[in-house]
Amino acid sequence: MGRGRQKAKHTKVARELKYFSPDTNYGALERELSVAQQSDEPDYVDRWADDVGDEGDLENQPDTNKSA
């Protein structure tokens, strides 16, 4: 396929996508969002939070890398 035909085809597809507006199912969207809001689980769980102390703890620990 030549470049002109290829470009025309891409332009046609892009135009169809630009002006395509599917029907929105607001009931399904509302159900999906209400389930997400009712969840008791936090959005993000830091698995390593218990293994690492606070930043201030690093400053108060003795320096073991000093040569005597």
Protein backbone atom coordinates (compact mmCIF):
# COMPACT_ATOMS: atom_id res chain seq x y z
CA MET A 1 0.00 0.00 0.00
CA GLY A 2 1.38 3.41 -0.94
CA ARG A 3 2.06 6.13 1.58
CA GLY A 4 -0.91 8.22 0.38
CA ARG A 5 -3.38 5.38 0.82
CA GLN A 6 -1.86 4.44 4.17
CA LYS A 7 -2.08 8.03 5.44
CA ALA A 8 -5.67 8.31 4.25
CA LYS A 9 -6.58 5.12 6.05
CA HIS A 10 -4.93 6.31 9.30
CA THR A 11 -6.72 9.66 8.97
CA LYS A 12 -10.04 7.89 8.52
CA VAL A 13 -9.47 5.68 11.57
CA ALA A 14 -8.33 8.66 13.67
CA ARG A 15 -11.40 10.65 12.66
CA GLU A 16 -13.69 7.73 13.56
CA LEU A 17 -12.05 7.42 16.98
CA LYS A 18 -12.19 11.17 17.60
CA TYR A 19 -15.91 11.48 16.97
CA PHE A 20 -16.97 8.10 18.39
CA SER A 21 -18.97 8.48 21.60
CA PRO A 22 -20.11 5.19 23.12
CA ASP A 23 -23.17 5.05 25.33
CA THR A 24 -22.22 5.47 28.97
CA ASN A 25 -23.78 3.11 31.48
CA TYR A 26 -24.06 5.43 34.49
CA GLY A 27 -25.66 2.75 36.67
CA ALA A 28 -22.68 0.41 36.25
CA LEU A 29 -20.29 3.29 36.86
CA GLU A 30 -22.09 4.24 40.07
CA ARG A 31 -22.01 0.64 41.32
CA GLU A 32 -18.30 0.34 40.57
CA LEU A 33 -17.44 3.58 42.34
CA SER A 34 -19.62 2.83 45.37
CA VAL A 35 -17.92 -0.55 45.87
CA ALA A 36 -14.50 1.12 45.74
CA GLN A 37 -15.50 3.69 48.35
CA GLN A 38 -16.91 1.07 50.74
CA SER A 39 -13.71 -0.94 50.81
CA ASP A 40 -12.07 -1.10 54.26
CA GLU A 41 -8.64 -1.85 52.82
CA PRO A 42 -6.26 1.08 52.41
CA ASP A 43 -5.26 2.02 48.88
CA TYR A 44 -1.59 1.41 49.57
CA VAL A 45 0.01 -0.92 52.10
CA ASP A 46 3.73 -0.54 52.75
CA ARG A 47 4.91 -4.09 53.36
CA TRP A 48 8.32 -2.92 54.58
CA ALA A 49 7.19 -0.19 56.99
CA ASP A 50 7.65 -2.42 60.04
CA ASP A 51 11.15 -3.51 59.01
CA VAL A 52 12.56 -0.01 58.68
CA GLY A 53 12.64 2.51 61.50
CA ASP A 54 11.99 6.21 61.26
CA GLU A 55 14.50 8.52 59.60
CA GLY A 56 15.48 9.94 63.00
CA ASP A 57 16.57 6.49 64.17
CA LEU A 58 19.45 6.48 61.68
CA GLU A 59 20.96 9.61 63.18
CA ASN A 60 20.93 8.29 66.74
CA GLN A 61 22.61 4.94 66.03
CA PRO A 62 26.35 4.57 66.63
CA ASP A 63 28.52 4.65 63.54
CA THR A 64 30.03 1.16 63.12
CA ASN A 65 31.98 2.07 59.95
CA LYS A 66 34.58 4.28 61.69
CA SER A 67 38.07 2.88 61.80
CA ALA A 68 39.72 2.95 65.22
